[in-house]
Amino acid sequence: MAQKLAAAPTAGLGLIKSQLELGWSAPFSAVLADEADKQVRAFVAADLREGATAFSQKRPPVFVGR
């Protein structure tokens, strides 16, 4: 399991983890605002481009954590 997580887009996983943690304690409106910010950050990430490129080239992605 650790190897699978290490090969995953670690920056994206970090965003997900922080969103889950915030969801337990913050008001719904704050969670939505934070999620919108994280979506913007994820959309411009190098790992998103790598994942899309790897998918289209039918190869395993090599994520760099950015």
N, C-alpha and C. Protein backbone atom coordinates (compact mmCIF):
# COMPACT_ATOMS: atom_id res chain seq x y z
N MET A 1 0.83 -1.18 0.00
CA MET A 1 0.00 0.00 0.00
C MET A 1 0.88 1.25 0.00
N ALA A 2 1.97 1.22 0.76
CA ALA A 2 2.86 2.38 0.83
C ALA A 2 3.48 2.67 -0.54
N GLN A 3 3.83 1.65 -1.28
CA GLN A 3 4.40 1.85 -2.61
C GLN A 3 3.38 2.47 -3.56
N LYS A 4 2.12 2.05 -3.46
CA LYS A 4 1.07 2.62 -4.30
C LYS A 4 0.87 4.10 -3.99
N LEU A 5 0.85 4.43 -2.70
CA LEU A 5 0.67 5.82 -2.31
C LEU A 5 1.87 6.67 -2.71
N ALA A 6 3.06 6.12 -2.60
CA ALA A 6 4.27 6.86 -2.97
C ALA A 6 4.32 7.13 -4.47
N ALA A 7 3.75 6.25 -5.27
CA ALA A 7 3.73 6.42 -6.73
C ALA A 7 2.58 7.32 -7.18
N ALA A 8 1.67 7.63 -6.28
CA ALA A 8 0.51 8.47 -6.61
C ALA A 8 0.92 9.94 -6.62
N PRO A 9 0.05 10.81 -7.11
CA PRO A 9 0.36 12.24 -7.11
C PRO A 9 0.30 12.79 -5.69
N THR A 10 1.44 12.84 -5.03
CA THR A 10 1.48 13.17 -3.60
C THR A 10 0.94 14.56 -3.29
N ALA A 11 1.15 15.51 -4.18
CA ALA A 11 0.60 16.85 -3.94
C ALA A 11 -0.92 16.79 -3.93
N GLY A 12 -1.49 16.05 -4.86
CA GLY A 12 -2.94 15.89 -4.92
C GLY A 12 -3.49 15.17 -3.70
N LEU A 13 -2.78 14.15 -3.26
CA LEU A 13 -3.21 13.43 -2.06
C LEU A 13 -3.16 14.34 -0.84
N GLY A 14 -2.17 15.22 -0.79
CA GLY A 14 -2.08 16.18 0.31
C GLY A 14 -3.26 17.14 0.31
N LEU A 15 -3.67 17.58 -0.88
CA LEU A 15 -4.83 18.46 -0.97
C LEU A 15 -6.09 17.74 -0.50
N ILE A 16 -6.24 16.50 -0.89
CA ILE A 16 -7.40 15.71 -0.47
C ILE A 16 -7.41 15.54 1.04
N LYS A 17 -6.26 15.19 1.59
CA LYS A 17 -6.18 14.97 3.04
C LYS A 17 -6.52 16.23 3.82
N SER A 18 -6.00 17.37 3.40
CA SER A 18 -6.29 18.60 4.12
C SER A 18 -7.77 18.98 3.98
N GLN A 19 -8.36 18.69 2.83
CA GLN A 19 -9.79 18.97 2.64
C GLN A 19 -10.64 18.09 3.55
N LEU A 20 -10.28 16.84 3.67
CA LEU A 20 -11.02 15.94 4.57
C LEU A 20 -10.92 16.40 6.02
N GLU A 21 -9.73 16.80 6.43
CA GLU A 21 -9.55 17.27 7.80
C GLU A 21 -10.37 18.53 8.06
N LEU A 22 -10.38 19.45 7.11
CA LEU A 22 -11.15 20.68 7.26
C LEU A 22 -12.64 20.39 7.31
N GLY A 23 -13.09 19.42 6.54
CA GLY A 23 -14.51 19.09 6.46
C GLY A 23 -15.12 18.67 7.78
N TRP A 24 -14.31 18.17 8.70
CA TRP A 24 -14.84 17.73 10.00
C TRP A 24 -15.09 18.88 10.95
N SER A 25 -14.42 20.01 10.74
CA SER A 25 -14.48 21.04 11.77
C SER A 25 -14.96 22.41 11.31
N ALA A 26 -14.94 22.68 10.03
CA ALA A 26 -15.26 24.01 9.54
C ALA A 26 -16.71 24.08 9.06
N PRO A 27 -17.25 25.28 9.01
CA PRO A 27 -18.60 25.44 8.44
C PRO A 27 -18.60 25.05 6.95
N PHE A 28 -19.75 24.63 6.47
CA PHE A 28 -19.89 24.15 5.11
C PHE A 28 -19.42 25.19 4.09
N SER A 29 -19.76 26.44 4.30
CA SER A 29 -19.36 27.49 3.35
C SER A 29 -17.84 27.63 3.29
N ALA A 30 -17.17 27.49 4.42
CA ALA A 30 -15.71 27.57 4.44
C ALA A 30 -15.08 26.37 3.72
N VAL A 31 -15.69 25.21 3.89
CA VAL A 31 -15.19 24.01 3.23
C VAL A 31 -15.32 24.16 1.71
N LEU A 32 -16.46 24.69 1.26
CA LEU A 32 -16.65 24.89 -0.18
C LEU A 32 -15.65 25.90 -0.75
N ALA A 33 -15.43 26.98 -0.03
CA ALA A 33 -14.47 27.99 -0.49
C ALA A 33 -13.06 27.40 -0.57
N ASP A 34 -12.70 26.62 0.44
CA ASP A 34 -11.37 25.99 0.45
C ASP A 34 -11.25 24.97 -0.68
N GLU A 35 -12.31 24.24 -0.95
CA GLU A 35 -12.28 23.26 -2.03
C GLU A 35 -12.09 23.96 -3.38
N ALA A 36 -12.75 25.09 -3.58
CA ALA A 36 -12.59 25.84 -4.83
C ALA A 36 -11.15 26.27 -5.01
N ASP A 37 -10.52 26.72 -3.93
CA ASP A 37 -9.11 27.10 -3.99
C ASP A 37 -8.23 25.91 -4.35
N LYS A 38 -8.51 24.79 -3.73
CA LYS A 38 -7.71 23.59 -4.00
C LYS A 38 -7.91 23.08 -5.42
N GLN A 39 -9.12 23.22 -5.96
CA GLN A 39 -9.36 22.80 -7.35
C GLN A 39 -8.51 23.62 -8.31
N VAL A 40 -8.40 24.92 -8.06
CA VAL A 40 -7.58 25.78 -8.91
C VAL A 40 -6.12 25.33 -8.83
N ARG A 41 -5.64 25.08 -7.61
CA ARG A 41 -4.25 24.65 -7.43
C ARG A 41 -3.99 23.31 -8.12
N ALA A 42 -4.95 22.40 -8.02
CA ALA A 42 -4.77 21.07 -8.62
C ALA A 42 -4.81 21.15 -10.15
N PHE A 43 -5.64 22.05 -10.68
CA PHE A 43 -5.81 22.13 -12.13
C PHE A 43 -4.55 22.63 -12.84
N VAL A 44 -3.75 23.42 -12.17
CA VAL A 44 -2.52 23.94 -12.80
C VAL A 44 -1.28 23.13 -12.40
N ALA A 45 -1.46 22.05 -11.70
CA ALA A 45 -0.33 21.26 -11.21
C ALA A 45 0.31 20.45 -12.34
N ALA A 46 1.61 20.29 -12.23
CA ALA A 46 2.35 19.48 -13.21
C ALA A 46 1.89 18.03 -13.19
N ASP A 47 1.50 17.54 -12.02
CA ASP A 47 1.04 16.15 -11.93
C ASP A 47 -0.24 15.91 -12.73
N LEU A 48 -1.10 16.91 -12.83
CA LEU A 48 -2.31 16.76 -13.64
C LEU A 48 -1.93 16.57 -15.10
N ARG A 49 -1.02 17.41 -15.58
CA ARG A 49 -0.58 17.28 -16.97
C ARG A 49 0.09 15.93 -17.22
N GLU A 50 0.91 15.50 -16.27
CA GLU A 50 1.59 14.21 -16.40
C GLU A 50 0.58 13.07 -16.43
N GLY A 51 -0.41 13.12 -15.57
CA GLY A 51 -1.43 12.07 -15.55
C GLY A 51 -2.21 12.01 -16.85
N ALA A 52 -2.59 13.17 -17.37
CA ALA A 52 -3.34 13.21 -18.63
C ALA A 52 -2.48 12.74 -19.79
N THR A 53 -1.22 13.17 -19.82
CA THR A 53 -0.32 12.76 -20.89
C THR A 53 -0.06 11.25 -20.84
N ALA A 54 0.19 10.75 -19.65
CA ALA A 54 0.44 9.31 -19.50
C ALA A 54 -0.77 8.50 -19.92
N PHE A 55 -1.96 8.98 -19.57
CA PHE A 55 -3.18 8.28 -19.95
C PHE A 55 -3.32 8.24 -21.47
N SER A 56 -3.09 9.38 -22.11
CA SER A 56 -3.26 9.42 -23.57
C SER A 56 -2.18 8.60 -24.28
N GLN A 57 -1.01 8.48 -23.67
CA GLN A 57 0.08 7.69 -24.26
C GLN A 57 0.04 6.23 -23.80
N LYS A 58 -0.95 5.90 -22.97
CA LYS A 58 -1.13 4.53 -22.46
C LYS A 58 0.13 4.01 -21.77
N ARG A 59 0.65 4.84 -20.86
CA ARG A 59 1.82 4.45 -20.08
C ARG A 59 1.58 4.82 -18.63
N PRO A 60 2.32 4.22 -17.72
CA PRO A 60 2.17 4.59 -16.31
C PRO A 60 2.67 6.02 -16.06
N PRO A 61 1.98 6.78 -15.25
CA PRO A 61 2.44 8.15 -14.97
C PRO A 61 3.64 8.17 -14.03
N VAL A 62 4.44 9.20 -14.15
CA VAL A 62 5.56 9.44 -13.25
C VAL A 62 5.31 10.80 -12.59
N PHE A 63 4.73 10.77 -11.39
CA PHE A 63 4.38 11.99 -10.70
C PHE A 63 5.59 12.56 -9.97
N VAL A 64 5.67 13.89 -9.91
CA VAL A 64 6.80 14.55 -9.29
C VAL A 64 6.42 15.30 -8.02
N GLY A 65 5.15 15.32 -7.69
CA GLY A 65 4.72 16.00 -6.47
C GLY A 65 4.53 17.50 -6.63
N ARG A 66 4.34 17.95 -7.84
CA ARG A 66 4.08 19.37 -8.10
C ARG A 66 2.84 19.53 -8.93
